Amino acid sequence: MRSRENLLGYRAPVVGGLYYTFDTSWARYPADRVPAAGRELVVCWMPKIATGVLALADIPAGRHDRHIDAMLTGMRSFDGPVVCRWGHEPNGDWYPWCAAYPRGRSAPEQYVTAWRYIVARERRMPGPSNIRWFWCPTGRDVGGVAMERYWPGEDWVDIVGCDVFNEPQEWKSFNEIVADPYRRITSLSDKQFWIGETGCHEPLQWQRGTKAQWIADMAETRSFPRMRTICYFDYDARPAGRADWRFDSTRETLAAVREILGRAKGV
């Protein structure tokens, strides 16, 4: 993380990139490498296991209480605020907790019940909590199950938002990608809106626009008044068949991002 911050000349107020499953334990490494002062830590907690498919119905049945309690205790032990993005992108078809997942064993109602079970369990723990719960569908429904069916309810979330990417198949601006999910999600909740993951690819030869300008437009948008935080997915996903989302995918993009972040430090 520090090497990326040094590259960009910017200290990120929100830090993500921590992904946990139901068969991995809370690890103080690398969380303890995140200097907590003035930062929020975003934890992505995924209800899946390495072998087989985890049934969401097993969560409220108590079959995963030991793991759940250990994760909650670990997040609470972090010396700073934690945002937990549990079961993100449920309205897609690529994760086992998605109802549209080809080999899945989950339904939207089971997702909601599991969400509420975990949040209620955390709220019953003694002492003050540093955890906020972030409901984060993907920006467009894939597989025929609408994001609204996964809504846990206003009393069960602290932050709402979505994940959106400017995918290589077609070039769209940040505003174009966010407009529809923002409208739908803010109609469900009065909570603040975050982007959990976003990224832009370098344009293909036949596409008009630049990644640098796309990021600049994202950083300077005023179209979404309840948007508070944008988490950029600074990662090369080409080995997984996607795109190089990184800020330094080209020298031109890196220079533009440094300029944008330099202006942000003066705000």
Foldseek 3Di string as FASTA:
>chain_A
DVVVCVLLVFDDQEDEDAEEELPDFQDVPPLVVRPAVNHEYEYEYEHADPPDGDALLVQLVPPSVVRLVRRLVSQQPRPHAYEYAYHEALLAQPGQQNPQPPPHNHDLVSLLVNLQSSQVVSVPDDDDGRYFYEHEHALDGYRPDDPVSNDNAAVRGQEYEYEWEQFQVAGDAPCVSRVVSLVVTVVRYVHAYEHPEYFYAAHDPPDDDGRLVSVVCVLPDPPRVRYDYYDYDQAACVVVVTHRRHCPPDVVSSVSSSVSSVVVVVD
